[in-house]
Amino acid sequence: MVAAFRTSGVPLWVAYYRRALPRFVTIRALLESGAIGRPTAVQVAITDRLAPVETRRNWRFDPAVSGGGLFLDLGSHCVDLCDFLLGTITDAAGFSSNTGSAYAAPDLTTLACRFESGAAGTGVWNFNADRKTDALTITGSAGTIEAPIFADADVVVTRDGHREVLPIRNPPHVHQPLIQSIVDQLRGGPPCPSSGDSGARASWVMDRCR
């Protein structure tokens, strides 16, 4: 798809809308300003209880339709967000397994990766857990940044023992900022932050976990 669009001279975008959400734009600006020193690691933790029987008929649980379960749906946004915040992932490996035998798709996936900058990352997407977890933690040489990936909650920056809470809320329509960036590009403005190239990078990482 990327090659075909490039050959045709037509732009290709991917709906990874978190790249334009105020919460993550702010986190990226904090990282670029050196707010926590040099970013050295990122951890993603997404967990939930095993899906109830009535939910398992959803397309996400059928590998013939979804390709690989909840990881491809939810994990894709996490991987792409790490690319947006910390740069290109150059090395990645992981494992997927079915621990609950509740449906055909895997319910557990793990990731270990390295970024072009030298930072490292880990991720776990466990959909056979005892609780719901939604956590992104970026560790730097001088502090940490913590935030949820899916929930509309605060960003927490910790430096020198001081904890700063940034109450950044989502807009009424979460896709709107990314759509606006597409409109801006079409009108001659800066490029939309979520392109076919960045989307392909996320898919490359996910493939190495499957």
Protein backbone atom coordinates (compact mmCIF):
# COMPACT_ATOMS: atom_id res chain seq x y z
CA MET A 1 0.00 0.00 0.00
CA VAL A 2 2.77 2.44 0.89
CA ALA A 3 4.58 1.73 -2.37
CA ALA A 4 1.42 2.00 -4.45
CA PHE A 5 0.46 5.36 -2.96
CA ARG A 6 4.00 6.67 -3.35
CA THR A 7 4.06 5.61 -7.01
CA SER A 8 0.74 7.33 -7.61
CA GLY A 9 1.79 10.49 -5.77
CA VAL A 10 -1.21 10.24 -3.46
CA PRO A 11 -0.96 10.68 0.35
CA LEU A 12 -1.74 7.73 2.62
CA TRP A 13 -2.76 8.21 6.24
CA VAL A 14 -3.50 5.80 9.08
CA ALA A 15 -6.07 6.43 11.84
CA TYR A 16 -3.58 6.27 14.71
CA TYR A 17 -5.24 9.35 16.15
CA ARG A 18 -3.30 9.39 19.42
CA ARG A 19 -0.45 11.05 17.54
CA ALA A 20 -2.54 14.22 17.49
CA LEU A 21 -4.21 14.04 20.91
CA PRO A 22 -3.18 16.89 23.26
CA ARG A 23 -2.04 14.45 25.97
CA PHE A 24 0.53 12.75 23.78
CA VAL A 25 1.57 15.89 21.92
CA THR A 26 2.40 17.32 25.36
CA ILE A 27 4.35 14.21 26.38
CA ARG A 28 6.38 14.38 23.17
CA ALA A 29 7.15 18.06 23.79
CA LEU A 30 8.25 17.23 27.35
CA LEU A 31 10.60 14.54 26.05
CA GLU A 32 12.03 16.82 23.37
CA SER A 33 12.61 19.59 25.92
CA GLY A 34 14.63 17.26 28.17
CA ALA A 35 12.05 17.36 30.96
CA ILE A 36 13.14 13.90 32.21
CA GLY A 37 16.65 13.94 30.78
CA ARG A 38 17.54 11.40 28.16
CA PRO A 39 14.71 8.88 27.60
CA THR A 40 16.17 5.43 28.25
CA ALA A 41 13.19 3.06 28.46
CA VAL A 42 9.47 2.72 27.90
CA GLN A 43 7.07 0.19 29.40
CA VAL A 44 3.56 -0.58 28.17
CA ALA A 45 1.16 -2.63 30.30
CA ILE A 46 -2.33 -3.40 29.00
CA THR A 47 -4.28 -6.08 30.86
CA ASP A 48 -7.90 -7.10 31.26
CA ARG A 49 -10.00 -10.01 32.39
CA LEU A 50 -10.81 -12.79 29.95
CA ALA A 51 -13.64 -11.68 27.67
CA PRO A 52 -17.09 -12.95 28.69
CA VAL A 53 -18.80 -15.52 26.49
CA GLU A 54 -21.21 -13.06 24.88
CA THR A 55 -18.32 -10.82 23.79
CA ARG A 56 -16.30 -13.55 22.09
CA ARG A 57 -18.50 -13.39 19.02
CA ASN A 58 -16.99 -9.98 18.27
CA TRP A 59 -14.76 -9.85 15.16
CA ARG A 60 -11.68 -9.10 17.27
CA PHE A 61 -11.67 -12.65 18.64
CA ASP A 62 -11.80 -14.37 15.24
CA PRO A 63 -8.29 -14.63 13.69
CA ALA A 64 -9.84 -15.24 10.27
CA VAL A 65 -11.23 -11.70 10.43
CA SER A 66 -8.99 -9.78 12.83
CA GLY A 67 -5.72 -11.52 11.99
CA GLY A 68 -4.64 -11.97 15.58
CA GLY A 69 -7.02 -10.92 18.34
CA LEU A 70 -7.04 -7.95 20.70
CA PHE A 71 -3.30 -7.36 20.34
CA LEU A 72 -3.64 -6.30 16.72
CA ASP A 73 -6.54 -4.00 17.62
CA LEU A 74 -5.28 -2.42 20.86
CA GLY A 75 -1.57 -3.20 20.72
CA SER A 76 -1.21 -1.48 17.36
CA HIS A 77 -2.07 1.89 18.93
CA CYS A 78 0.45 1.29 21.73
CA VAL A 79 3.29 0.38 19.37
CA ASP A 80 2.56 3.31 17.08
CA LEU A 81 2.45 5.67 20.07
CA CYS A 82 5.90 4.50 21.20
CA ASP A 83 7.18 5.22 17.68
CA PHE A 84 5.65 8.71 17.88
CA LEU A 85 7.13 9.49 21.29
CA LEU A 86 10.54 7.81 21.16
CA GLY A 87 11.30 7.34 17.46
CA THR A 88 11.81 4.40 15.16
CA ILE A 89 12.01 0.89 16.61
CA THR A 90 14.94 -0.87 14.96
CA ASP A 91 14.83 -4.26 16.72
CA ALA A 92 11.82 -6.14 18.05
CA ALA A 93 10.91 -9.61 19.24
CA GLY A 94 8.04 -11.08 21.17
CA PHE A 95 5.71 -13.97 21.80
CA SER A 96 1.98 -14.58 21.51
CA SER A 97 0.07 -17.40 23.16
CA ASN A 98 -3.42 -18.52 24.07
CA THR A 99 -3.57 -19.02 27.83
CA GLY A 100 -7.31 -19.13 28.40
CA SER A 101 -8.53 -21.31 25.50
CA ALA A 102 -11.63 -19.11 25.42
CA TYR A 103 -11.33 -18.21 21.74
CA ALA A 104 -9.07 -18.97 18.80
CA ALA A 105 -6.96 -15.79 18.89
CA PRO A 106 -4.01 -15.29 21.27
CA ASP A 107 -4.88 -13.59 24.57
CA LEU A 108 -1.30 -12.83 25.66
CA THR A 109 1.42 -11.03 23.73
CA THR A 110 4.77 -9.67 24.90
CA LEU A 111 7.29 -7.37 23.23
CA ALA A 112 10.93 -6.42 23.75
CA CYS A 113 12.35 -3.74 21.49
CA ARG A 114 15.13 -1.25 20.91
CA PHE A 115 14.82 2.22 19.44
CA GLU A 116 17.14 3.97 17.01
CA SER A 117 18.05 6.34 19.86
CA GLY A 118 19.36 3.45 21.95
CA ALA A 119 16.40 3.41 24.34
CA ALA A 120 14.72 0.08 25.06
CA GLY A 121 11.10 -0.90 25.44
CA THR A 122 8.93 -3.67 26.80
CA GLY A 123 5.23 -4.37 26.48
CA VAL A 124 2.68 -6.85 27.74
CA TRP A 125 -0.88 -7.21 26.47
CA ASN A 126 -2.50 -9.77 28.76
CA PHE A 127 -6.21 -10.33 28.20
CA ASN A 128 -6.41 -13.18 30.71
CA ALA A 129 -5.52 -11.22 33.83
CA ASP A 130 -7.23 -10.52 37.16
CA ARG A 131 -7.60 -6.78 36.59
CA LYS A 132 -7.69 -4.01 34.04
CA THR A 133 -4.42 -2.10 33.54
CA ASP A 134 -3.68 0.77 31.17
CA ALA A 135 -0.20 2.18 31.69
CA LEU A 136 2.56 3.87 29.72
CA THR A 137 5.75 4.64 31.65
CA ILE A 138 8.68 6.46 30.08
CA THR A 139 11.87 6.49 32.14
CA GLY A 140 14.59 9.03 31.55
CA SER A 141 17.93 9.82 33.12
CA ALA A 142 16.30 12.54 35.24
CA GLY A 143 12.71 11.42 35.81
CA THR A 144 9.64 9.58 34.56
CA ILE A 145 6.45 10.31 32.66
CA GLU A 146 3.37 8.17 33.28
CA ALA A 147 0.04 8.21 31.47
CA PRO A 148 -2.70 5.86 30.30
CA ILE A 149 -2.89 5.01 26.61
CA PHE A 150 -6.64 4.45 26.31
CA ALA A 151 -8.24 6.12 29.35
CA ASP A 152 -8.80 9.87 29.49
CA ALA A 153 -6.67 10.54 32.56
CA ASP A 154 -3.79 12.69 33.79
CA VAL A 155 -0.14 12.80 32.77
CA VAL A 156 2.21 12.48 35.76
CA VAL A 157 5.77 13.82 35.56
CA THR A 158 8.18 12.91 38.37
CA ARG A 159 11.53 14.72 38.71
CA ASP A 160 13.84 14.92 41.72
CA GLY A 161 11.16 13.48 43.94
CA HIS A 162 8.63 16.10 42.82
CA ARG A 163 5.41 14.82 41.28
CA GLU A 164 3.61 17.09 38.82
CA VAL A 165 0.12 16.17 37.60
CA LEU A 166 -0.99 17.53 34.22
CA PRO A 167 -4.80 17.20 33.85
CA ILE A 168 -4.95 17.05 30.05
CA ARG A 169 -8.34 15.92 28.77
CA ASN A 170 -9.35 14.50 25.41
CA PRO A 171 -11.33 16.69 23.01
CA PRO A 172 -15.05 15.86 22.57
CA HIS A 173 -14.23 13.90 19.40
CA VAL A 174 -10.91 12.07 19.77
CA HIS A 175 -10.32 11.71 16.01
CA GLN A 176 -10.80 15.42 15.30
CA PRO A 177 -7.19 16.62 15.87
CA LEU A 178 -5.80 14.00 13.47
CA ILE A 179 -8.50 14.74 10.89
CA GLN A 180 -7.63 18.44 11.20
CA SER A 181 -3.97 17.64 10.54
CA ILE A 182 -5.01 15.83 7.34
CA VAL A 183 -7.06 18.83 6.27
CA ASP A 184 -4.11 21.11 7.06
CA GLN A 185 -1.77 18.99 4.93
CA LEU A 186 -4.21 19.00 2.03
CA ARG A 187 -4.32 22.78 2.27
CA GLY A 188 -0.53 23.06 2.06
CA GLY A 189 0.33 22.87 5.75
CA PRO A 190 2.68 20.54 7.63
CA PRO A 191 2.31 16.78 7.08
CA CYS A 192 -0.10 14.74 9.16
CA PRO A 193 1.85 12.88 11.87
CA SER A 194 0.27 9.50 11.03
CA SER A 195 1.32 8.33 7.59
CA GLY A 196 1.45 5.06 5.72
CA ASP A 197 5.17 4.89 6.54
CA SER A 198 4.65 5.25 10.29
CA GLY A 199 1.77 2.77 10.18
CA ALA A 200 3.94 0.25 8.36
CA ARG A 201 6.59 0.57 11.07
CA ALA A 202 4.01 -0.38 13.71
CA SER A 203 2.90 -3.38 11.67
CA TRP A 204 6.51 -4.51 11.28
CA VAL A 205 6.91 -4.55 15.07
CA MET A 206 3.63 -6.40 15.63
CA ASP A 207 4.55 -9.05 13.09
CA ARG A 208 7.63 -9.85 15.17
CA CYS A 209 5.44 -10.55 18.18
CA ARG A 210 3.28 -13.04 16.32
